[in-house]
């Protein structure tokens, strides 16, 4: 085990967060109970905002970026974890208030760790990452709502070609739902069809301001866009339908009324992937193990070295990334 290693660190420069590579030592890491050798991380929209400086994600500087990691326990003073355990960590404030996964080694609180599900390798767990795990949380929430049947009208997925959308489509299709994908990139339609989408809607149709109540269409939806898009999705959801909201790529505002909720009984289900309890995390990973086709996961995933993160961050914020990106932190 090397004493010095490279990490992507966000520092304060003249009052602005600026990301760059830096050599760290084990002594620099937080004083937590479990030391993990990190092998893989991933790239999420939030990571892109943090690294590019286009969003003030890190609330404490300096900050090792990266909201996800997978690796192997090398030291532990907690009896629940021992050397050699393979683990996954999603969220828990990493890259915001806690040091994250873009590093070869990280010290973590034991309650943040999830044992690597037997269905997946460490690399596959990061191909899933927070995006895929969030998609599974959203599906679990829709199914727990109990009023959406697999043979019902369409389930809409916004931001379809992104990480959450890609995994959501393949999971929903495998579970028997008819999926419509919302995308502004026509060139991704073949890709989305291969994942299981059977219908398409241009994201521009959902981005324009619409009436408080519109023609009923969606039995349910998974939305990672927010803002006007989410308002229109709610206005188009059928009686007793539900929308799982898990992102704000289009904005944090919600220019909507209560009309869909009080006249149609539409539910807005908020998805919190950062501090979800382990009971919810376990159910999400069970959905992934049961319904995620590993060949489709591989088809939607690219593996990139840690060194390419600055450019990849710019690309994901600009909407140029399709599917999932695994970060090999050893390269």
C-alpha atoms as a PDB file:
ATOM      1  CA  UNK A   1       0.000   0.000   0.000  1.00  0.00           C
ATOM      2  CA  UNK A   2       1.552   3.260  -1.163  1.00  0.00           C
ATOM      3  CA  UNK A   3       1.751   6.183   1.237  1.00  0.00           C
ATOM      4  CA  UNK A   4       1.251   8.838  -1.463  1.00  0.00           C
ATOM      5  CA  UNK A   5      -1.361   8.822  -4.210  1.00  0.00           C
ATOM      6  CA  UNK A   6      -3.177  11.125  -6.601  1.00  0.00           C
ATOM      7  CA  UNK A   7      -6.622  12.605  -6.008  1.00  0.00           C
ATOM      8  CA  UNK A   8      -8.870  15.177  -7.642  1.00  0.00           C
ATOM      9  CA  UNK A   9      -9.256  17.957  -5.078  1.00  0.00           C
ATOM     10  CA  UNK A  10     -11.435  21.074  -5.136  1.00  0.00           C
ATOM     11  CA  UNK A  11      -9.702  24.073  -3.547  1.00  0.00           C
ATOM     12  CA  UNK A  12     -10.665  27.664  -2.901  1.00  0.00           C
ATOM     13  CA  UNK A  13      -8.905  30.029  -5.277  1.00  0.00           C
ATOM     14  CA  UNK A  14      -9.811  33.689  -4.864  1.00  0.00           C
ATOM     15  CA  UNK A  15     -13.206  32.743  -3.479  1.00  0.00           C
ATOM     16  CA  UNK A  16     -14.029  30.266  -6.251  1.00  0.00           C
ATOM     17  CA  UNK A  17     -13.956  26.437  -6.169  1.00  0.00           C
ATOM     18  CA  UNK A  18     -11.280  25.135  -8.546  1.00  0.00           C
ATOM     19  CA  UNK A  19     -10.582  21.430  -9.138  1.00  0.00           C
ATOM     20  CA  UNK A  20      -7.155  19.981  -9.807  1.00  0.00           C
ATOM     21  CA  UNK A  21      -5.008  16.924  -9.220  1.00  0.00           C
ATOM     22  CA  UNK A  22      -2.934  16.729  -6.062  1.00  0.00           C
ATOM     23  CA  UNK A  23      -0.777  14.135  -4.322  1.00  0.00           C
ATOM     24  CA  UNK A  24      -2.157  13.094  -0.942  1.00  0.00           C
ATOM     25  CA  UNK A  25      -0.797  10.972   1.890  1.00  0.00           C
ATOM     26  CA  UNK A  26      -2.755   8.588   4.102  1.00  0.00           C
ATOM     27  CA  UNK A  27      -2.248  11.085   6.928  1.00  0.00           C
ATOM     28  CA  UNK A  28      -4.237  13.663   4.931  1.00  0.00           C
ATOM     29  CA  UNK A  29      -7.405  11.559   4.894  1.00  0.00           C
ATOM     30  CA  UNK A  30     -10.313  12.100   7.324  1.00  0.00           C
ATOM     31  CA  UNK A  31     -10.192  10.440  10.720  1.00  0.00           C
ATOM     32  CA  UNK A  32     -12.801   7.739  10.078  1.00  0.00           C
ATOM     33  CA  UNK A  33     -12.852   4.071  11.080  1.00  0.00           C
ATOM     34  CA  UNK A  34     -12.564   2.272   7.736  1.00  0.00           C
ATOM     35  CA  UNK A  35      -9.783   2.714   5.171  1.00  0.00           C
ATOM     36  CA  UNK A  36     -10.763   1.631   1.661  1.00  0.00           C
ATOM     37  CA  UNK A  37      -8.542   1.131  -1.358  1.00  0.00           C
ATOM     38  CA  UNK A  38     -10.641   2.740  -4.075  1.00  0.00           C
ATOM     39  CA  UNK A  39     -10.600   1.039  -7.473  1.00  0.00           C
ATOM     40  CA  UNK A  40     -13.509   2.683  -9.278  1.00  0.00           C
ATOM     41  CA  UNK A  41     -15.729   5.717  -9.098  1.00  0.00           C
ATOM     42  CA  UNK A  42     -18.165   7.180 -11.595  1.00  0.00           C
ATOM     43  CA  UNK A  43     -19.303  10.431 -13.183  1.00  0.00           C
ATOM     44  CA  UNK A  44     -22.651  11.965 -12.245  1.00  0.00           C
ATOM     45  CA  UNK A  45     -24.162  15.312 -13.220  1.00  0.00           C
ATOM     46  CA  UNK A  46     -23.438  16.574  -9.710  1.00  0.00           C
ATOM     47  CA  UNK A  47     -19.782  15.587 -10.160  1.00  0.00           C
ATOM     48  CA  UNK A  48     -19.699  17.574 -13.378  1.00  0.00           C
ATOM     49  CA  UNK A  49     -21.033  20.659 -11.625  1.00  0.00           C
ATOM     50  CA  UNK A  50     -18.545  20.283  -8.781  1.00  0.00           C
ATOM     51  CA  UNK A  51     -15.450  19.758 -10.946  1.00  0.00           C
ATOM     52  CA  UNK A  52     -16.280  22.323 -13.618  1.00  0.00           C
ATOM     53  CA  UNK A  53     -17.127  24.977 -11.042  1.00  0.00           C
ATOM     54  CA  UNK A  54     -20.529  25.514 -12.657  1.00  0.00           C
ATOM     55  CA  UNK A  55     -22.256  24.581  -9.409  1.00  0.00           C
ATOM     56  CA  UNK A  56     -21.177  25.165  -5.830  1.00  0.00           C
ATOM     57  CA  UNK A  57     -21.486  21.528  -4.734  1.00  0.00           C
ATOM     58  CA  UNK A  58     -18.591  21.346  -2.284  1.00  0.00           C
ATOM     59  CA  UNK A  59     -19.586  23.139   0.899  1.00  0.00           C
ATOM     60  CA  UNK A  60     -16.301  22.551   2.668  1.00  0.00           C
ATOM     61  CA  UNK A  61     -12.888  23.085   1.068  1.00  0.00           C
ATOM     62  CA  UNK A  62     -10.512  21.538   0.322  1.00  0.00           C
ATOM     63  CA  UNK A  63     -12.681  18.647  -0.878  1.00  0.00           C
ATOM     64  CA  UNK A  64     -11.851  15.385  -2.624  1.00  0.00           C
ATOM     65  CA  UNK A  65     -14.576  15.177  -5.280  1.00  0.00           C
ATOM     66  CA  UNK A  66     -16.631  12.151  -6.323  1.00  0.00           C
ATOM     67  CA  UNK A  67     -20.023  11.100  -4.928  1.00  0.00           C
ATOM     68  CA  UNK A  68     -19.416   7.367  -5.488  1.00  0.00           C
ATOM     69  CA  UNK A  69     -16.727   4.776  -4.923  1.00  0.00           C
ATOM     70  CA  UNK A  70     -16.170   1.041  -4.874  1.00  0.00           C
ATOM     71  CA  UNK A  71     -13.174  -0.770  -3.497  1.00  0.00           C
ATOM     72  CA  UNK A  72     -11.680  -3.073  -0.898  1.00  0.00           C
ATOM     73  CA  UNK A  73     -11.323  -2.544   2.845  1.00  0.00           C
ATOM     74  CA  UNK A  74      -7.648  -2.459   3.856  1.00  0.00           C
ATOM     75  CA  UNK A  75      -7.997  -1.350   7.495  1.00  0.00           C
ATOM     76  CA  UNK A  76     -10.928  -1.228   9.893  1.00  0.00           C
ATOM     77  CA  UNK A  77     -11.386  -0.517  13.586  1.00  0.00           C
ATOM     78  CA  UNK A  78     -15.092  -1.351  13.276  1.00  0.00           C
ATOM     79  CA  UNK A  79     -16.140  -4.987  13.833  1.00  0.00           C
ATOM     80  CA  UNK A  80     -18.693  -4.881  10.992  1.00  0.00           C
ATOM     81  CA  UNK A  81     -15.955  -4.539   8.376  1.00  0.00           C
ATOM     82  CA  UNK A  82     -12.761  -6.489   7.878  1.00  0.00           C
ATOM     83  CA  UNK A  83      -9.777  -6.420   5.546  1.00  0.00           C
ATOM     84  CA  UNK A  84     -10.718  -7.747   2.114  1.00  0.00           C
ATOM     85  CA  UNK A  85     -14.408  -6.804   2.232  1.00  0.00           C
ATOM     86  CA  UNK A  86     -15.637  -5.431  -1.104  1.00  0.00           C
ATOM     87  CA  UNK A  87     -17.748  -2.338  -0.598  1.00  0.00           C
ATOM     88  CA  UNK A  88     -19.777   0.308  -2.399  1.00  0.00           C
ATOM     89  CA  UNK A  89     -20.465   3.840  -1.164  1.00  0.00           C
ATOM     90  CA  UNK A  90     -23.107   6.111  -2.733  1.00  0.00           C
ATOM     91  CA  UNK A  91     -23.841   9.582  -1.408  1.00  0.00           C
ATOM     92  CA  UNK A  92     -23.661  10.299   2.334  1.00  0.00           C
ATOM     93  CA  UNK A  93     -22.462  13.824   1.560  1.00  0.00           C
ATOM     94  CA  UNK A  94     -19.356  12.748  -0.341  1.00  0.00           C
ATOM     95  CA  UNK A  95     -18.061  15.602  -2.509  1.00  0.00           C
ATOM     96  CA  UNK A  96     -20.279  18.033  -0.551  1.00  0.00           C
ATOM     97  CA  UNK A  97     -19.375  17.865   3.127  1.00  0.00           C
ATOM     98  CA  UNK A  98     -17.318  14.643   3.141  1.00  0.00           C
ATOM     99  CA  UNK A  99     -14.295  13.651   1.075  1.00  0.00           C
ATOM    100  CA  UNK A 100     -15.281  11.526  -1.905  1.00  0.00           C
ATOM    101  CA  UNK A 101     -14.202   8.856  -4.351  1.00  0.00           C
ATOM    102  CA  UNK A 102     -11.753  10.443  -6.814  1.00  0.00           C
ATOM    103  CA  UNK A 103      -8.748   9.103  -4.926  1.00  0.00           C
ATOM    104  CA  UNK A 104      -6.842   5.837  -4.535  1.00  0.00           C
ATOM    105  CA  UNK A 105      -7.582   5.621  -0.810  1.00  0.00           C
ATOM    106  CA  UNK A 106     -10.331   7.029   1.370  1.00  0.00           C
ATOM    107  CA  UNK A 107     -11.287   6.800   5.034  1.00  0.00           C
ATOM    108  CA  UNK A 108     -15.017   6.410   5.606  1.00  0.00           C
ATOM    109  CA  UNK A 109     -17.565   6.027   8.367  1.00  0.00           C
ATOM    110  CA  UNK A 110     -18.638   2.374   8.670  1.00  0.00           C
ATOM    111  CA  UNK A 111     -22.344   3.217   8.386  1.00  0.00           C
ATOM    112  CA  UNK A 112     -21.785   4.612   4.883  1.00  0.00           C
ATOM    113  CA  UNK A 113     -20.604   1.288   3.456  1.00  0.00           C
ATOM    114  CA  UNK A 114     -22.738  -1.207   1.547  1.00  0.00           C
ATOM    115  CA  UNK A 115     -21.447  -4.694   0.872  1.00  0.00           C
ATOM    116  CA  UNK A 116     -20.905  -5.287  -2.825  1.00  0.00           C
ATOM    117  CA  UNK A 117     -23.989  -7.191  -4.047  1.00  0.00           C
ATOM    118  CA  UNK A 118     -23.037 -10.656  -5.291  1.00  0.00           C
ATOM    119  CA  UNK A 119     -24.664  -9.940  -8.653  1.00  0.00           C
ATOM    120  CA  UNK A 120     -22.097  -7.283  -9.591  1.00  0.00           C
ATOM    121  CA  UNK A 121     -18.371  -6.678  -9.835  1.00  0.00           C
ATOM    122  CA  UNK A 122     -16.777  -3.581  -8.351  1.00  0.00           C
ATOM    123  CA  UNK A 123     -16.598  -2.049 -11.823  1.00  0.00           C
ATOM    124  CA  UNK A 124     -20.257  -2.850 -12.538  1.00  0.00           C
ATOM    125  CA  UNK A 125     -21.299  -1.324  -9.224  1.00  0.00           C
ATOM    126  CA  UNK A 126     -19.867   1.979 -10.447  1.00  0.00           C
ATOM    127  CA  UNK A 127     -21.403   1.551 -13.892  1.00  0.00           C
ATOM    128  CA  UNK A 128     -24.587   1.625 -11.834  1.00  0.00           C
ATOM    129  CA  UNK A 129     -23.360   4.255  -9.381  1.00  0.00           C
ATOM    130  CA  UNK A 130     -25.579   6.876  -7.790  1.00  0.00           C
ATOM    131  CA  UNK A 131     -27.415   7.350 -11.095  1.00  0.00           C
ATOM    132  CA  UNK A 132     -28.485   3.719 -11.407  1.00  0.00           C
ATOM    133  CA  UNK A 133     -29.106   3.304  -7.699  1.00  0.00           C
ATOM    134  CA  UNK A 134     -31.296   6.431  -7.812  1.00  0.00           C
ATOM    135  CA  UNK A 135     -33.232   5.012 -10.765  1.00  0.00           C
ATOM    136  CA  UNK A 136     -33.893   1.872  -8.734  1.00  0.00           C
ATOM    137  CA  UNK A 137     -35.018   3.949  -5.737  1.00  0.00           C
ATOM    138  CA  UNK A 138     -37.443   5.781  -8.034  1.00  0.00           C
ATOM    139  CA  UNK A 139     -38.891   2.535  -9.386  1.00  0.00           C
ATOM    140  CA  UNK A 140     -39.233   1.160  -5.871  1.00  0.00           C
ATOM    141  CA  UNK A 141     -41.134   4.314  -4.884  1.00  0.00           C
ATOM    142  CA  UNK A 142     -43.462   4.102  -7.899  1.00  0.00           C
ATOM    143  CA  UNK A 143     -44.216   0.451  -7.233  1.00  0.00           C
ATOM    144  CA  UNK A 144     -44.734   1.114  -3.519  1.00  0.00           C
ATOM    145  CA  UNK A 145     -47.323   3.739  -4.505  1.00  0.00           C
ATOM    146  CA  UNK A 146     -49.316   0.704  -5.533  1.00  0.00           C
ATOM    147  CA  UNK A 147     -51.594   2.302  -8.118  1.00  0.00           C
ATOM    148  CA  UNK A 148     -49.434   1.831 -11.200  1.00  0.00           C
ATOM    149  CA  UNK A 149     -49.683  -1.476 -13.037  1.00  0.00           C
ATOM    150  CA  UNK A 150     -47.185  -2.812 -15.539  1.00  0.00           C
ATOM    151  CA  UNK A 151     -49.868  -2.974 -18.248  1.00  0.00           C
ATOM    152  CA  UNK A 152     -50.957   0.635 -17.679  1.00  0.00           C
ATOM    153  CA  UNK A 153     -50.376   3.540 -20.032  1.00  0.00           C
ATOM    154  CA  UNK A 154     -46.851   4.757 -20.616  1.00  0.00           C
ATOM    155  CA  UNK A 155     -44.233   5.413 -17.993  1.00  0.00           C
ATOM    156  CA  UNK A 156     -42.263   8.527 -18.944  1.00  0.00           C
ATOM    157  CA  UNK A 157     -38.537   8.886 -18.321  1.00  0.00           C
ATOM    158  CA  UNK A 158     -37.095  12.385 -18.742  1.00  0.00           C
ATOM    159  CA  UNK A 159     -33.404  13.025 -19.319  1.00  0.00           C
ATOM    160  CA  UNK A 160     -33.565   9.611 -20.919  1.00  0.00           C
ATOM    161  CA  UNK A 161     -30.060   9.372 -22.375  1.00  0.00           C
ATOM    162  CA  UNK A 162     -28.395  10.357 -19.104  1.00  0.00           C
ATOM    163  CA  UNK A 163     -27.274   8.000 -16.375  1.00  0.00           C
ATOM    164  CA  UNK A 164     -30.499   7.900 -14.352  1.00  0.00           C
ATOM    165  CA  UNK A 165     -32.618   7.739 -17.488  1.00  0.00           C
ATOM    166  CA  UNK A 166     -30.629   4.969 -19.149  1.00  0.00           C
ATOM    167  CA  UNK A 167     -30.797   2.664 -16.150  1.00  0.00           C
ATOM    168  CA  UNK A 168     -34.438   3.551 -15.451  1.00  0.00           C
ATOM    169  CA  UNK A 169     -35.486   2.597 -18.987  1.00  0.00           C
ATOM    170  CA  UNK A 170     -33.825  -0.802 -18.947  1.00  0.00           C
ATOM    171  CA  UNK A 171     -35.163  -1.594 -15.452  1.00  0.00           C
ATOM    172  CA  UNK A 172     -38.716  -0.513 -16.280  1.00  0.00           C
ATOM    173  CA  UNK A 173     -38.746  -2.420 -19.578  1.00  0.00           C
ATOM    174  CA  UNK A 174     -37.466  -5.578 -17.883  1.00  0.00           C
ATOM    175  CA  UNK A 175     -40.231  -5.242 -15.273  1.00  0.00           C
ATOM    176  CA  UNK A 176     -42.904  -5.133 -17.971  1.00  0.00           C
ATOM    177  CA  UNK A 177     -43.655  -1.422 -18.298  1.00  0.00           C
ATOM    178  CA  UNK A 178     -44.158   0.445 -21.577  1.00  0.00           C
ATOM    179  CA  UNK A 179     -41.573   3.220 -21.524  1.00  0.00           C
ATOM    180  CA  UNK A 180     -41.534   6.563 -23.320  1.00  0.00           C
ATOM    181  CA  UNK A 181     -38.210   8.391 -23.388  1.00  0.00           C
ATOM    182  CA  UNK A 182     -37.906  12.175 -23.375  1.00  0.00           C
ATOM    183  CA  UNK A 183     -34.728  13.371 -25.053  1.00  0.00           C
ATOM    184  CA  UNK A 184     -33.465  16.353 -26.958  1.00  0.00           C
ATOM    185  CA  UNK A 185     -30.893  14.290 -28.815  1.00  0.00           C
ATOM    186  CA  UNK A 186     -32.504  12.418 -31.741  1.00  0.00           C
ATOM    187  CA  UNK A 187     -29.237  10.588 -32.350  1.00  0.00           C
ATOM    188  CA  UNK A 188     -29.771   8.676 -29.093  1.00  0.00           C
ATOM    189  CA  UNK A 189     -33.099   7.120 -30.111  1.00  0.00           C
ATOM    190  CA  UNK A 190     -31.540   3.880 -31.391  1.00  0.00           C
ATOM    191  CA  UNK A 191     -29.580   3.606 -28.153  1.00  0.00           C
ATOM    192  CA  UNK A 192     -32.717   4.182 -26.063  1.00  0.00           C
ATOM    193  CA  UNK A 193     -34.727   1.713 -28.141  1.00  0.00           C
ATOM    194  CA  UNK A 194     -32.076  -0.929 -27.471  1.00  0.00           C
ATOM    195  CA  UNK A 195     -32.519  -0.284 -23.740  1.00  0.00           C
ATOM    196  CA  UNK A 196     -36.258  -0.851 -24.001  1.00  0.00           C
ATOM    197  CA  UNK A 197     -37.921   2.483 -24.835  1.00  0.00           C
ATOM    198  CA  UNK A 198     -40.936   2.024 -27.131  1.00  0.00           C
ATOM    199  CA  UNK A 199     -41.907   5.685 -27.545  1.00  0.00           C
ATOM    200  CA  UNK A 200     -40.215   9.085 -27.705  1.00  0.00           C
ATOM    201  CA  UNK A 201     -41.076  12.688 -26.948  1.00  0.00           C
ATOM    202  CA  UNK A 202     -38.868  15.684 -27.692  1.00  0.00           C
ATOM    203  CA  UNK A 203     -37.812  17.326 -24.463  1.00  0.00           C
ATOM    204  CA  UNK A 204     -38.750  20.701 -25.974  1.00  0.00           C
ATOM    205  CA  UNK A 205     -42.423  19.682 -25.753  1.00  0.00           C
ATOM    206  CA  UNK A 206     -42.090  19.369 -22.005  1.00  0.00           C
ATOM    207  CA  UNK A 207     -39.823  22.385 -21.502  1.00  0.00           C
ATOM    208  CA  UNK A 208     -42.349  24.988 -22.702  1.00  0.00           C
ATOM    209  CA  UNK A 209     -44.790  26.510 -20.231  1.00  0.00           C
ATOM    210  CA  UNK A 210     -48.088  24.608 -20.251  1.00  0.00           C
ATOM    211  CA  UNK A 211     -51.505  24.607 -18.622  1.00  0.00           C
ATOM    212  CA  UNK A 212     -51.951  23.550 -14.996  1.00  0.00           C
ATOM    213  CA  UNK A 213     -53.939  20.509 -16.183  1.00  0.00           C
ATOM    214  CA  UNK A 214     -53.282  18.885 -19.544  1.00  0.00           C
ATOM    215  CA  UNK A 215     -54.409  15.780 -21.415  1.00  0.00           C
ATOM    216  CA  UNK A 216     -53.786  12.697 -19.281  1.00  0.00           C
ATOM    217  CA  UNK A 217     -51.038  10.513 -20.673  1.00  0.00           C
ATOM    218  CA  UNK A 218     -48.505   9.160 -18.184  1.00  0.00           C
ATOM    219  CA  UNK A 219     -49.371   6.467 -15.668  1.00  0.00           C
ATOM    220  CA  UNK A 220     -46.138   7.349 -13.935  1.00  0.00           C
ATOM    221  CA  UNK A 221     -42.822   9.053 -14.572  1.00  0.00           C
ATOM    222  CA  UNK A 222     -39.229   9.272 -13.431  1.00  0.00           C
ATOM    223  CA  UNK A 223     -37.982  12.849 -13.741  1.00  0.00           C
ATOM    224  CA  UNK A 224     -34.378  13.999 -13.410  1.00  0.00           C
ATOM    225  CA  UNK A 225     -34.924  17.430 -14.981  1.00  0.00           C
ATOM    226  CA  UNK A 226     -37.204  19.411 -12.657  1.00  0.00           C
ATOM    227  CA  UNK A 227     -38.460  22.938 -13.382  1.00  0.00           C
ATOM    228  CA  UNK A 228     -41.029  23.404 -16.172  1.00  0.00           C
ATOM    229  CA  UNK A 229     -40.489  19.860 -17.406  1.00  0.00           C
ATOM    230  CA  UNK A 230     -41.615  18.417 -14.080  1.00  0.00           C
ATOM    231  CA  UNK A 231     -44.581  20.803 -13.956  1.00  0.00           C
ATOM    232  CA  UNK A 232     -45.749  19.595 -17.377  1.00  0.00           C
ATOM    233  CA  UNK A 233     -45.205  15.944 -16.481  1.00  0.00           C
ATOM    234  CA  UNK A 234     -47.392  16.366 -13.398  1.00  0.00           C
ATOM    235  CA  UNK A 235     -50.057  18.124 -15.488  1.00  0.00           C
ATOM    236  CA  UNK A 236     -50.098  15.194 -17.952  1.00  0.00           C
ATOM    237  CA  UNK A 237     -50.152  12.362 -15.386  1.00  0.00           C
ATOM    238  CA  UNK A 238     -53.319  10.269 -15.183  1.00  0.00           C
ATOM    239  CA  UNK A 239     -55.718   9.917 -12.275  1.00  0.00           C
ATOM    240  CA  UNK A 240     -53.917   8.368  -9.258  1.00  0.00           C
ATOM    241  CA  UNK A 241     -50.616   8.293 -11.127  1.00  0.00           C
ATOM    242  CA  UNK A 242     -47.278   9.205  -9.569  1.00  0.00           C
ATOM    243  CA  UNK A 243     -44.085  10.999 -10.540  1.00  0.00           C
ATOM    244  CA  UNK A 244     -40.758  10.196  -8.884  1.00  0.00           C
ATOM    245  CA  UNK A 245     -38.573  13.318  -8.920  1.00  0.00           C
ATOM    246  CA  UNK A 246     -34.857  12.741  -8.477  1.00  0.00           C
ATOM    247  CA  UNK A 247     -32.977  15.533 -10.267  1.00  0.00           C
ATOM    248  CA  UNK A 248     -32.825  19.169 -11.286  1.00  0.00           C
ATOM    249  CA  UNK A 249     -30.765  19.290 -14.474  1.00  0.00           C
ATOM    250  CA  UNK A 250     -33.254  21.823 -15.858  1.00  0.00           C
ATOM    251  CA  UNK A 251     -33.539  23.875 -12.672  1.00  0.00           C
ATOM    252  CA  UNK A 252     -34.528  23.659  -9.013  1.00  0.00           C
ATOM    253  CA  UNK A 253     -37.752  25.630  -9.451  1.00  0.00           C
ATOM    254  CA  UNK A 254     -41.180  24.029  -9.893  1.00  0.00           C
ATOM    255  CA  UNK A 255     -43.601  26.421 -11.653  1.00  0.00           C
ATOM    256  CA  UNK A 256     -46.674  24.280 -10.999  1.00  0.00           C
ATOM    257  CA  UNK A 257     -50.053  24.424  -9.236  1.00  0.00           C
ATOM    258  CA  UNK A 258     -51.789  22.012  -6.881  1.00  0.00           C
ATOM    259  CA  UNK A 259     -54.346  21.144  -9.566  1.00  0.00           C
ATOM    260  CA  UNK A 260     -52.929  17.730 -10.602  1.00  0.00           C
ATOM    261  CA  UNK A 261     -52.712  16.702  -6.959  1.00  0.00           C
ATOM    262  CA  UNK A 262     -56.156  17.768  -5.730  1.00  0.00           C
ATOM    263  CA  UNK A 263     -58.160  17.042  -8.909  1.00  0.00           C
ATOM    264  CA  UNK A 264     -56.450  13.871 -10.125  1.00  0.00           C
ATOM    265  CA  UNK A 265     -54.782  12.555  -6.994  1.00  0.00           C
ATOM    266  CA  UNK A 266     -51.349  12.644  -8.645  1.00  0.00           C
ATOM    267  CA  UNK A 267     -48.495  11.920  -6.239  1.00  0.00           C
ATOM    268  CA  UNK A 268     -45.123  13.668  -6.355  1.00  0.00           C
ATOM    269  CA  UNK A 269     -42.596  11.288  -4.825  1.00  0.00           C
ATOM    270  CA  UNK A 270     -39.293  12.829  -3.817  1.00  0.00           C
ATOM    271  CA  UNK A 271     -36.245  10.574  -4.184  1.00  0.00           C
ATOM    272  CA  UNK A 272     -33.354  11.194  -1.789  1.00  0.00           C
ATOM    273  CA  UNK A 273     -30.413   9.013  -2.733  1.00  0.00           C
ATOM    274  CA  UNK A 274     -27.824  10.769  -0.560  1.00  0.00           C
ATOM    275  CA  UNK A 275     -28.932   9.766   2.935  1.00  0.00           C
ATOM    276  CA  UNK A 276     -31.437   7.009   2.151  1.00  0.00           C
ATOM    277  CA  UNK A 277     -31.465   4.404   4.946  1.00  0.00           C
ATOM    278  CA  UNK A 278     -29.960   0.996   4.291  1.00  0.00           C
ATOM    279  CA  UNK A 279     -33.390  -0.635   4.125  1.00  0.00           C
ATOM    280  CA  UNK A 280     -34.182   1.481   1.047  1.00  0.00           C
ATOM    281  CA  UNK A 281     -30.701   1.008  -0.380  1.00  0.00           C
ATOM    282  CA  UNK A 282     -31.003  -2.756  -0.022  1.00  0.00           C
ATOM    283  CA  UNK A 283     -34.353  -2.761  -1.843  1.00  0.00           C
ATOM    284  CA  UNK A 284     -32.875  -0.639  -4.637  1.00  0.00           C
ATOM    285  CA  UNK A 285     -29.904  -2.965  -5.077  1.00  0.00           C
ATOM    286  CA  UNK A 286     -32.292  -5.943  -5.049  1.00  0.00           C
ATOM    287  CA  UNK A 287     -34.224  -4.357  -7.941  1.00  0.00           C
ATOM    288  CA  UNK A 288     -30.952  -3.835  -9.805  1.00  0.00           C
ATOM    289  CA  UNK A 289     -29.836  -7.427  -9.209  1.00  0.00           C
ATOM    290  CA  UNK A 290     -33.220  -8.744 -10.342  1.00  0.00           C
ATOM    291  CA  UNK A 291     -33.924  -6.552 -13.373  1.00  0.00           C
ATOM    292  CA  UNK A 292     -30.710  -5.016 -14.728  1.00  0.00           C
ATOM    293  CA  UNK A 293     -29.392  -6.821 -17.797  1.00  0.00           C
ATOM    294  CA  UNK A 294     -25.614  -6.828 -17.414  1.00  0.00           C
ATOM    295  CA  UNK A 295     -25.115  -6.844 -21.185  1.00  0.00           C
ATOM    296  CA  UNK A 296     -27.211  -3.701 -21.453  1.00  0.00           C
ATOM    297  CA  UNK A 297     -25.285  -2.201 -18.550  1.00  0.00           C
ATOM    298  CA  UNK A 298     -22.047  -2.852 -20.423  1.00  0.00           C
ATOM    299  CA  UNK A 299     -23.505  -1.363 -23.618  1.00  0.00           C
ATOM    300  CA  UNK A 300     -24.402   1.902 -21.865  1.00  0.00           C
ATOM    301  CA  UNK A 301     -21.042   2.199 -20.057  1.00  0.00           C
ATOM    302  CA  UNK A 302     -17.625   3.566 -20.942  1.00  0.00           C
ATOM    303  CA  UNK A 303     -14.558   3.336 -18.691  1.00  0.00           C
ATOM    304  CA  UNK A 304     -12.288   6.372 -18.446  1.00  0.00           C
ATOM    305  CA  UNK A 305      -9.108   7.135 -16.473  1.00  0.00           C
ATOM    306  CA  UNK A 306      -9.049   9.545 -13.546  1.00  0.00           C
ATOM    307  CA  UNK A 307      -6.887  11.867 -15.649  1.00  0.00           C
ATOM    308  CA  UNK A 308      -9.795  12.666 -18.012  1.00  0.00           C
ATOM    309  CA  UNK A 309     -12.175  13.903 -15.317  1.00  0.00           C
ATOM    310  CA  UNK A 310     -11.785  17.650 -15.980  1.00  0.00           C
ATOM    311  CA  UNK A 311     -12.894  17.272 -19.615  1.00  0.00           C
ATOM    312  CA  UNK A 312     -15.564  14.708 -18.795  1.00  0.00           C
ATOM    313  CA  UNK A 313     -17.025  17.100 -16.224  1.00  0.00           C
ATOM    314  CA  UNK A 314     -17.416  19.775 -18.888  1.00  0.00           C
ATOM    315  CA  UNK A 315     -18.988  17.239 -21.243  1.00  0.00           C
ATOM    316  CA  UNK A 316     -21.634  15.978 -18.819  1.00  0.00           C
ATOM    317  CA  UNK A 317     -22.737  19.492 -17.869  1.00  0.00           C
ATOM    318  CA  UNK A 318     -22.987  20.327 -21.588  1.00  0.00           C
ATOM    319  CA  UNK A 319     -25.204  17.282 -22.168  1.00  0.00           C
ATOM    320  CA  UNK A 320     -22.620  15.443 -24.264  1.00  0.00           C
ATOM    321  CA  UNK A 321     -22.409  12.285 -22.149  1.00  0.00           C
ATOM    322  CA  UNK A 322     -24.594   9.307 -23.002  1.00  0.00           C
ATOM    323  CA  UNK A 323     -25.252   6.559 -20.493  1.00  0.00           C
ATOM    324  CA  UNK A 324     -22.774   5.809 -17.738  1.00  0.00           C
ATOM    325  CA  UNK A 325     -19.101   6.614 -17.242  1.00  0.00           C
ATOM    326  CA  UNK A 326     -16.957   4.548 -14.883  1.00  0.00           C
ATOM    327  CA  UNK A 327     -13.807   6.244 -13.577  1.00  0.00           C
ATOM    328  CA  UNK A 328     -10.835   3.945 -13.099  1.00  0.00           C
ATOM    329  CA  UNK A 329      -9.016   5.769 -10.297  1.00  0.00           C
ATOM    330  CA  UNK A 330      -5.899   3.641 -10.756  1.00  0.00           C
ATOM    331  CA  UNK A 331      -5.155   5.316 -14.121  1.00  0.00           C
END
